[in-house]
Amino acid sequence: METLSELSLHSFRKSLRGYNPDEVDSYLELIDHRVHNLQKELDGLRRENESLKSELRKYQRVESALQETLVETKRNAEMMRKAAEKEAELVLEKAEQDARQRVMVVQMAVSKLSRETEDLERRRLDYIEKLRSLAERQLSILRFYEDVQGPVST
């Protein structure tokens, strides 16, 4: 296929009245055919160019949407991280509060048991004292009978 520059360098043979009309007509037909083919090729390239531009715009919109999604995802991840930290703080505070309450309950139980133990110890000592007093009275009565009647044989 000849290029346009090759077509423009074409020379015609001269005839009696100028150039040979058949050659000129044939050449013009060839040029018309070449121009028509080049025009079709140019139209196809323009359509392809428009299609590629359209596709590029579509990909640019997709890229923009992906960028926005990425930014939104990062923002959501940060919000979720902060929320999780806040929730962890609340859980920790509640656990500490529960632990303080349990310690208080245990301390109260220990205090109650200490009071009860002290009370039981006092009661034990009182009982021992009463037993000692009873035993001493009984022993005193026994001595009195021994003194009055003499020793008792067993």
N, C-alpha and C. Protein backbone atom coordinates (compact mmCIF):
# COMPACT_ATOMS: atom_id res chain seq x y z
N MET A 1 0.85 -1.17 0.00
CA MET A 1 0.00 0.00 0.00
C MET A 1 0.90 1.23 0.00
N GLU A 2 0.61 2.14 -0.86
CA GLU A 2 1.41 3.36 -0.98
C GLU A 2 0.95 4.36 0.07
N THR A 3 1.91 5.16 0.55
CA THR A 3 1.54 6.21 1.50
C THR A 3 1.15 7.44 0.73
N LEU A 4 0.59 8.44 1.43
CA LEU A 4 0.18 9.68 0.77
C LEU A 4 1.36 10.39 0.15
N SER A 5 2.51 10.35 0.83
CA SER A 5 3.68 11.04 0.27
C SER A 5 4.14 10.36 -1.01
N GLU A 6 4.01 9.03 -1.05
CA GLU A 6 4.38 8.33 -2.29
C GLU A 6 3.41 8.67 -3.41
N LEU A 7 2.12 8.84 -3.02
CA LEU A 7 1.11 9.16 -4.03
C LEU A 7 1.34 10.56 -4.61
N SER A 8 1.80 11.48 -3.76
CA SER A 8 1.98 12.85 -4.24
C SER A 8 3.19 12.98 -5.17
N LEU A 9 4.09 12.02 -5.17
CA LEU A 9 5.28 12.07 -6.02
C LEU A 9 5.05 11.40 -7.38
N HIS A 10 3.85 10.94 -7.59
CA HIS A 10 3.56 10.25 -8.84
C HIS A 10 3.66 11.21 -10.04
N SER A 11 4.23 10.71 -11.11
CA SER A 11 4.34 11.56 -12.31
C SER A 11 3.58 10.91 -13.46
N PHE A 12 3.01 11.74 -14.29
CA PHE A 12 2.22 11.26 -15.43
C PHE A 12 3.00 11.47 -16.71
N ARG A 13 2.72 10.57 -17.69
CA ARG A 13 3.34 10.75 -19.01
C ARG A 13 2.53 11.78 -19.79
N LYS A 14 3.20 12.50 -20.56
CA LYS A 14 2.52 13.52 -21.35
C LYS A 14 2.03 12.92 -22.65
N SER A 15 0.88 13.38 -23.03
CA SER A 15 0.34 12.95 -24.32
C SER A 15 0.15 14.20 -25.16
N LEU A 16 -0.49 14.04 -26.32
CA LEU A 16 -0.64 15.15 -27.26
C LEU A 16 -1.35 16.34 -26.63
N ARG A 17 -2.29 16.16 -25.94
CA ARG A 17 -3.04 17.27 -25.36
C ARG A 17 -2.78 17.39 -23.85
N GLY A 18 -1.69 17.04 -23.34
CA GLY A 18 -1.38 17.11 -21.91
C GLY A 18 -1.15 15.71 -21.36
N TYR A 19 -1.69 15.48 -20.21
CA TYR A 19 -1.51 14.18 -19.57
C TYR A 19 -2.53 13.19 -20.08
N ASN A 20 -2.18 11.92 -19.97
CA ASN A 20 -3.07 10.85 -20.43
C ASN A 20 -4.26 10.79 -19.47
N PRO A 21 -5.48 11.05 -19.95
CA PRO A 21 -6.66 11.09 -19.09
C PRO A 21 -6.94 9.74 -18.41
N ASP A 22 -6.67 8.63 -19.06
CA ASP A 22 -6.92 7.32 -18.44
C ASP A 22 -5.99 7.12 -17.24
N GLU A 23 -4.74 7.53 -17.41
CA GLU A 23 -3.78 7.41 -16.31
C GLU A 23 -4.20 8.32 -15.15
N VAL A 24 -4.59 9.56 -15.50
CA VAL A 24 -4.99 10.51 -14.47
C VAL A 24 -6.23 9.98 -13.76
N ASP A 25 -7.22 9.50 -14.49
CA ASP A 25 -8.44 8.96 -13.89
C ASP A 25 -8.12 7.75 -13.01
N SER A 26 -7.25 6.90 -13.51
CA SER A 26 -6.85 5.71 -12.75
C SER A 26 -6.14 6.13 -11.46
N TYR A 27 -5.27 7.12 -11.62
CA TYR A 27 -4.53 7.59 -10.44
C TYR A 27 -5.48 8.26 -9.44
N LEU A 28 -6.41 9.06 -9.94
CA LEU A 28 -7.38 9.71 -9.07
C LEU A 28 -8.25 8.67 -8.35
N GLU A 29 -8.57 7.62 -9.06
CA GLU A 29 -9.34 6.54 -8.45
C GLU A 29 -8.54 5.87 -7.33
N LEU A 30 -7.25 5.64 -7.64
CA LEU A 30 -6.36 5.05 -6.65
C LEU A 30 -6.25 5.96 -5.43
N ILE A 31 -6.09 7.26 -5.68
CA ILE A 31 -6.00 8.22 -4.57
C ILE A 31 -7.31 8.23 -3.79
N ASP A 32 -8.43 8.24 -4.52
CA ASP A 32 -9.73 8.24 -3.86
C ASP A 32 -9.87 6.99 -2.98
N HIS A 33 -9.46 5.86 -3.54
CA HIS A 33 -9.53 4.59 -2.79
C HIS A 33 -8.64 4.66 -1.54
N ARG A 34 -7.40 5.17 -1.72
CA ARG A 34 -6.46 5.29 -0.60
C ARG A 34 -7.01 6.28 0.45
N VAL A 35 -7.51 7.43 0.02
CA VAL A 35 -8.06 8.42 0.93
C VAL A 35 -9.25 7.84 1.68
N HIS A 36 -10.10 7.10 0.94
CA HIS A 36 -11.26 6.47 1.57
C HIS A 36 -10.80 5.47 2.65
N ASN A 37 -9.79 4.63 2.31
CA ASN A 37 -9.26 3.67 3.28
C ASN A 37 -8.63 4.38 4.48
N LEU A 38 -7.87 5.44 4.20
CA LEU A 38 -7.25 6.19 5.28
C LEU A 38 -8.32 6.86 6.16
N GLN A 39 -9.39 7.36 5.52
CA GLN A 39 -10.48 7.98 6.27
C GLN A 39 -11.17 6.95 7.16
N LYS A 40 -11.38 5.73 6.61
CA LYS A 40 -11.98 4.65 7.41
C LYS A 40 -11.07 4.28 8.58
N GLU A 41 -9.77 4.20 8.28
CA GLU A 41 -8.81 3.88 9.33
C GLU A 41 -8.79 4.98 10.39
N LEU A 42 -8.82 6.25 9.94
CA LEU A 42 -8.84 7.38 10.87
C LEU A 42 -10.12 7.35 11.72
N ASP A 43 -11.26 7.07 11.07
CA ASP A 43 -12.53 6.98 11.81
C ASP A 43 -12.47 5.85 12.84
N GLY A 44 -11.92 4.72 12.44
CA GLY A 44 -11.78 3.58 13.37
C GLY A 44 -10.87 3.95 14.54
N LEU A 45 -9.76 4.63 14.23
CA LEU A 45 -8.84 5.04 15.29
C LEU A 45 -9.50 6.06 16.21
N ARG A 46 -10.31 6.95 15.64
CA ARG A 46 -11.02 7.92 16.47
C ARG A 46 -12.02 7.22 17.40
N ARG A 47 -12.75 6.24 16.81
CA ARG A 47 -13.70 5.49 17.64
C ARG A 47 -12.97 4.73 18.75
N GLU A 48 -11.86 4.09 18.36
CA GLU A 48 -11.07 3.36 19.34
C GLU A 48 -10.54 4.31 20.43
N ASN A 49 -10.09 5.50 19.98
CA ASN A 49 -9.59 6.50 20.92
C ASN A 49 -10.70 6.92 21.88
N GLU A 50 -11.89 7.18 21.35
CA GLU A 50 -13.03 7.56 22.20
C GLU A 50 -13.38 6.43 23.16
N SER A 51 -13.36 5.21 22.64
CA SER A 51 -13.67 4.05 23.48
C SER A 51 -12.64 3.92 24.59
N LEU A 52 -11.36 4.10 24.24
CA LEU A 52 -10.31 4.02 25.25
C LEU A 52 -10.42 5.15 26.27
N LYS A 53 -10.77 6.35 25.77
CA LYS A 53 -10.97 7.46 26.70
C LYS A 53 -12.12 7.17 27.65
N SER A 54 -13.20 6.62 27.09
CA SER A 54 -14.36 6.28 27.90
C SER A 54 -13.99 5.22 28.93
N GLU A 55 -13.25 4.22 28.49
CA GLU A 55 -12.81 3.16 29.41
C GLU A 55 -11.88 3.74 30.48
N LEU A 56 -11.00 4.66 30.07
CA LEU A 56 -10.09 5.30 31.02
C LEU A 56 -10.89 6.08 32.06
N ARG A 57 -11.92 6.83 31.61
CA ARG A 57 -12.76 7.56 32.56
C ARG A 57 -13.45 6.60 33.53
N LYS A 58 -13.91 5.45 32.99
CA LYS A 58 -14.55 4.45 33.83
C LYS A 58 -13.57 3.94 34.88
N TYR A 59 -12.33 3.63 34.45
CA TYR A 59 -11.32 3.15 35.40
C TYR A 59 -10.93 4.24 36.39
N GLN A 60 -10.92 5.49 35.94
CA GLN A 60 -10.62 6.59 36.86
C GLN A 60 -11.72 6.72 37.92
N ARG A 61 -13.00 6.52 37.49
CA ARG A 61 -14.10 6.56 38.45
C ARG A 61 -13.97 5.39 39.44
N VAL A 62 -13.62 4.22 38.91
CA VAL A 62 -13.44 3.05 39.78
C VAL A 62 -12.29 3.31 40.76
N GLU A 63 -11.19 3.86 40.25
CA GLU A 63 -10.05 4.17 41.12
C GLU A 63 -10.46 5.17 42.19
N SER A 64 -11.20 6.19 41.78
CA SER A 64 -11.66 7.19 42.74
C SER A 64 -12.56 6.56 43.80
N ALA A 65 -13.47 5.68 43.35
CA ALA A 65 -14.36 4.99 44.30
C ALA A 65 -13.55 4.11 45.24
N LEU A 66 -12.54 3.43 44.69
CA LEU A 66 -11.69 2.58 45.54
C LEU A 66 -10.92 3.42 46.55
N GLN A 67 -10.43 4.58 46.11
CA GLN A 67 -9.71 5.47 47.03
C GLN A 67 -10.65 5.93 48.15
N GLU A 68 -11.87 6.32 47.77
CA GLU A 68 -12.84 6.75 48.77
C GLU A 68 -13.17 5.60 49.73
N THR A 69 -13.33 4.40 49.16
CA THR A 69 -13.62 3.23 49.99
C THR A 69 -12.47 2.96 50.94
N LEU A 70 -11.24 3.07 50.44
CA LEU A 70 -10.07 2.84 51.27
C LEU A 70 -10.02 3.85 52.42
N VAL A 71 -10.27 5.12 52.10
CA VAL A 71 -10.26 6.15 53.14
C VAL A 71 -11.37 5.87 54.16
N GLU A 72 -12.55 5.53 53.67
CA GLU A 72 -13.68 5.23 54.55
C GLU A 72 -13.38 3.99 55.41
N THR A 73 -12.75 2.99 54.79
CA THR A 73 -12.40 1.78 55.53
C THR A 73 -11.39 2.09 56.63
N LYS A 74 -10.40 2.92 56.30
CA LYS A 74 -9.42 3.32 57.32
C LYS A 74 -10.11 4.07 58.45
N ARG A 75 -11.01 4.98 58.09
CA ARG A 75 -11.74 5.76 59.10
C ARG A 75 -12.58 4.81 59.98
N ASN A 76 -13.27 3.86 59.34
CA ASN A 76 -14.08 2.91 60.10
C ASN A 76 -13.22 2.03 61.01
N ALA A 77 -12.07 1.60 60.49
CA ALA A 77 -11.16 0.77 61.29
C ALA A 77 -10.68 1.56 62.50
N GLU A 78 -10.36 2.81 62.31
CA GLU A 78 -9.91 3.65 63.42
C GLU A 78 -11.03 3.84 64.44
N MET A 79 -12.25 4.06 63.94
CA MET A 79 -13.39 4.22 64.85
C MET A 79 -13.63 2.92 65.63
N MET A 80 -13.52 1.78 64.93
CA MET A 80 -13.72 0.49 65.59
C MET A 80 -12.63 0.25 66.63
N ARG A 81 -11.40 0.63 66.31
CA ARG A 81 -10.30 0.46 67.25
C ARG A 81 -10.55 1.29 68.50
N LYS A 82 -10.96 2.55 68.30
CA LYS A 82 -11.24 3.43 69.43
C LYS A 82 -12.41 2.90 70.26
N ALA A 83 -13.45 2.41 69.57
CA ALA A 83 -14.60 1.85 70.27
C ALA A 83 -14.19 0.62 71.07
N ALA A 84 -13.34 -0.22 70.48
CA ALA A 84 -12.87 -1.41 71.19
C ALA A 84 -12.04 -1.03 72.40
N GLU A 85 -11.19 0.00 72.25
CA GLU A 85 -10.40 0.46 73.39
C GLU A 85 -11.31 0.99 74.50
N LYS A 86 -12.32 1.77 74.11
CA LYS A 86 -13.26 2.32 75.09
C LYS A 86 -14.01 1.18 75.79
N GLU A 87 -14.44 0.19 75.00
CA GLU A 87 -15.15 -0.94 75.59
C GLU A 87 -14.23 -1.72 76.53
N ALA A 88 -12.97 -1.88 76.14
CA ALA A 88 -12.01 -2.57 77.00
C ALA A 88 -11.82 -1.80 78.30
N GLU A 89 -11.76 -0.48 78.22
CA GLU A 89 -11.64 0.34 79.43
C GLU A 89 -12.86 0.15 80.33
N LEU A 90 -14.05 0.14 79.71
CA LEU A 90 -15.28 -0.05 80.50
C LEU A 90 -15.30 -1.43 81.15
N VAL A 91 -14.90 -2.44 80.39
CA VAL A 91 -14.87 -3.80 80.94
C VAL A 91 -13.88 -3.86 82.10
N LEU A 92 -12.72 -3.25 81.92
CA LEU A 92 -11.71 -3.23 82.98
C LEU A 92 -12.23 -2.49 84.21
N GLU A 93 -12.86 -1.34 84.00
CA GLU A 93 -13.43 -0.60 85.13
C GLU A 93 -14.46 -1.44 85.87
N LYS A 94 -15.34 -2.10 85.11
CA LYS A 94 -16.37 -2.94 85.73
C LYS A 94 -15.72 -4.08 86.49
N ALA A 95 -14.70 -4.70 85.90
CA ALA A 95 -14.01 -5.81 86.59
C ALA A 95 -13.36 -5.31 87.88
N GLU A 96 -12.75 -4.13 87.82
CA GLU A 96 -12.13 -3.56 89.03
C GLU A 96 -13.19 -3.25 90.08
N GLN A 97 -14.31 -2.70 89.64
CA GLN A 97 -15.40 -2.40 90.56
C GLN A 97 -15.95 -3.69 91.18
N ASP A 98 -16.15 -4.72 90.35
CA ASP A 98 -16.61 -6.01 90.86
C ASP A 98 -15.60 -6.58 91.86
N ALA A 99 -14.32 -6.46 91.53
CA ALA A 99 -13.28 -6.97 92.43
C ALA A 99 -13.32 -6.21 93.76
N ARG A 100 -13.48 -4.89 93.71
CA ARG A 100 -13.56 -4.09 94.94
C ARG A 100 -14.77 -4.53 95.78
N GLN A 101 -15.90 -4.75 95.10
CA GLN A 101 -17.11 -5.18 95.81
C GLN A 101 -16.89 -6.55 96.44
N ARG A 102 -16.26 -7.46 95.71
CA ARG A 102 -16.01 -8.80 96.25
C ARG A 102 -15.05 -8.73 97.44
N VAL A 103 -14.04 -7.89 97.33
CA VAL A 103 -13.10 -7.72 98.44
C VAL A 103 -13.85 -7.18 99.66
N MET A 104 -14.74 -6.22 99.41
CA MET A 104 -15.53 -5.66 100.50
C MET A 104 -16.41 -6.73 101.14
N VAL A 105 -17.05 -7.55 100.33
CA VAL A 105 -17.91 -8.63 100.85
C VAL A 105 -17.07 -9.59 101.67
N VAL A 106 -15.89 -9.96 101.15
CA VAL A 106 -15.01 -10.88 101.88
C VAL A 106 -14.55 -10.24 103.19
N GLN A 107 -14.19 -8.95 103.14
CA GLN A 107 -13.75 -8.27 104.36
C GLN A 107 -14.87 -8.24 105.39
N MET A 108 -16.09 -7.99 104.91
CA MET A 108 -17.24 -7.98 105.83
C MET A 108 -17.43 -9.37 106.43
N ALA A 109 -17.30 -10.41 105.60
CA ALA A 109 -17.46 -11.78 106.09
C ALA A 109 -16.37 -12.11 107.10
N VAL A 110 -15.13 -11.68 106.80
CA VAL A 110 -14.01 -11.92 107.72
C VAL A 110 -14.27 -11.19 109.04
N SER A 111 -14.73 -9.96 108.94
CA SER A 111 -15.03 -9.17 110.13
C SER A 111 -16.11 -9.85 110.96
N LYS A 112 -17.15 -10.32 110.29
CA LYS A 112 -18.25 -11.01 110.98
C LYS A 112 -17.73 -12.27 111.65
N LEU A 113 -16.92 -13.04 110.89
CA LEU A 113 -16.36 -14.27 111.47
C LEU A 113 -15.45 -13.95 112.66
N SER A 114 -14.69 -12.87 112.56
CA SER A 114 -13.83 -12.47 113.69
C SER A 114 -14.67 -12.14 114.92
N ARG A 115 -15.75 -11.38 114.72
CA ARG A 115 -16.63 -11.05 115.84
C ARG A 115 -17.24 -12.32 116.44
N GLU A 116 -17.70 -13.20 115.56
CA GLU A 116 -18.29 -14.46 116.03
C GLU A 116 -17.25 -15.29 116.77
N THR A 117 -16.01 -15.32 116.23
CA THR A 117 -14.93 -16.07 116.89
C THR A 117 -14.64 -15.47 118.26
N GLU A 118 -14.57 -14.15 118.33
CA GLU A 118 -14.34 -13.49 119.63
C GLU A 118 -15.47 -13.79 120.60
N ASP A 119 -16.71 -13.75 120.09
CA ASP A 119 -17.87 -14.04 120.92
C ASP A 119 -17.80 -15.48 121.44
N LEU A 120 -17.48 -16.41 120.53
CA LEU A 120 -17.36 -17.81 120.94
C LEU A 120 -16.24 -17.99 121.97
N GLU A 121 -15.13 -17.28 121.78
CA GLU A 121 -14.01 -17.38 122.72
C GLU A 121 -14.44 -16.85 124.09
N ARG A 122 -15.17 -15.74 124.11
CA ARG A 122 -15.68 -15.21 125.38
C ARG A 122 -16.63 -16.20 126.04
N ARG A 123 -17.50 -16.77 125.24
CA ARG A 123 -18.46 -17.74 125.77
C ARG A 123 -17.74 -18.99 126.30
N ARG A 124 -16.68 -19.41 125.58
CA ARG A 124 -15.90 -20.57 126.02
C ARG A 124 -15.24 -20.26 127.37
N LEU A 125 -14.64 -19.08 127.44
CA LEU A 125 -13.98 -18.70 128.69
C LEU A 125 -14.99 -18.59 129.84
N ASP A 126 -16.19 -18.03 129.52
CA ASP A 126 -17.25 -17.93 130.53
C ASP A 126 -17.66 -19.34 130.98
N TYR A 127 -17.81 -20.24 130.04
CA TYR A 127 -18.22 -21.61 130.36
C TYR A 127 -17.16 -22.29 131.23
N ILE A 128 -15.88 -22.10 130.82
CA ILE A 128 -14.78 -22.69 131.60
C ILE A 128 -14.80 -22.11 133.02
N GLU A 129 -15.01 -20.80 133.11
CA GLU A 129 -15.05 -20.16 134.42
C GLU A 129 -16.21 -20.71 135.25
N LYS A 130 -17.36 -20.90 134.64
CA LYS A 130 -18.52 -21.44 135.34
C LYS A 130 -18.24 -22.88 135.78
N LEU A 131 -17.60 -23.67 134.88
CA LEU A 131 -17.26 -25.05 135.23
C LEU A 131 -16.27 -25.07 136.41
N ARG A 132 -15.27 -24.18 136.35
CA ARG A 132 -14.27 -24.10 137.42
C ARG A 132 -14.97 -23.74 138.74
N SER A 133 -15.88 -22.77 138.65
CA SER A 133 -16.59 -22.33 139.85
C SER A 133 -17.45 -23.48 140.39
N LEU A 134 -18.14 -24.20 139.49
CA LEU A 134 -18.98 -25.32 139.89
C LEU A 134 -18.11 -26.41 140.52
N ALA A 135 -16.97 -26.68 139.85
CA ALA A 135 -16.07 -27.72 140.37
C ALA A 135 -15.54 -27.32 141.73
N GLU A 136 -15.17 -26.06 141.89
CA GLU A 136 -14.66 -25.59 143.18
C GLU A 136 -15.74 -25.69 144.26
N ARG A 137 -17.00 -25.37 143.93
CA ARG A 137 -18.10 -25.49 144.90
C ARG A 137 -18.32 -26.96 145.27
N GLN A 138 -18.27 -27.80 144.23
CA GLN A 138 -18.46 -29.22 144.50
C GLN A 138 -17.32 -29.75 145.39
N LEU A 139 -16.09 -29.30 145.06
CA LEU A 139 -14.94 -29.71 145.85
C LEU A 139 -15.06 -29.16 147.29
N SER A 140 -15.55 -27.98 147.41
CA SER A 140 -15.75 -27.37 148.73
C SER A 140 -16.79 -28.16 149.52
N ILE A 141 -17.86 -28.56 148.85
CA ILE A 141 -18.91 -29.35 149.51
C ILE A 141 -18.32 -30.70 149.92
N LEU A 142 -17.53 -31.30 149.04
CA LEU A 142 -16.91 -32.59 149.32
C LEU A 142 -15.99 -32.48 150.54
N ARG A 143 -15.22 -31.44 150.60
CA ARG A 143 -14.31 -31.22 151.73
C ARG A 143 -15.13 -31.04 153.02
N PHE A 144 -16.23 -30.29 152.88
CA PHE A 144 -17.07 -30.08 154.05
C PHE A 144 -17.58 -31.42 154.57
N TYR A 145 -18.06 -32.30 153.69
CA TYR A 145 -18.55 -33.62 154.13
C TYR A 145 -17.43 -34.45 154.71
N GLU A 146 -16.24 -34.35 154.13
CA GLU A 146 -15.10 -35.11 154.66
C GLU A 146 -14.75 -34.61 156.05
N ASP A 147 -14.80 -33.30 156.20
CA ASP A 147 -14.46 -32.74 157.52
C ASP A 147 -15.50 -33.17 158.56
N VAL A 148 -16.72 -33.20 158.14
CA VAL A 148 -17.82 -33.53 159.07
C VAL A 148 -17.85 -35.03 159.29
N GLN A 149 -17.73 -35.81 158.34
CA GLN A 149 -17.91 -37.25 158.49
C GLN A 149 -16.62 -38.02 158.41
N GLY A 150 -15.62 -37.47 158.02
CA GLY A 150 -14.36 -38.19 157.85
C GLY A 150 -14.20 -38.58 156.40
N PRO A 151 -13.03 -39.12 156.12
CA PRO A 151 -12.78 -39.45 154.72
C PRO A 151 -13.73 -40.53 154.19
N VAL A 152 -14.06 -40.38 152.97
CA VAL A 152 -15.00 -41.31 152.32
C VAL A 152 -14.18 -42.35 151.59
N SER A 153 -14.57 -43.63 151.80
CA SER A 153 -13.85 -44.69 151.09
C SER A 153 -14.54 -44.96 149.75
N THR A 154 -13.74 -45.24 148.82
CA THR A 154 -14.30 -45.47 147.49
C THR A 154 -14.33 -46.89 147.09
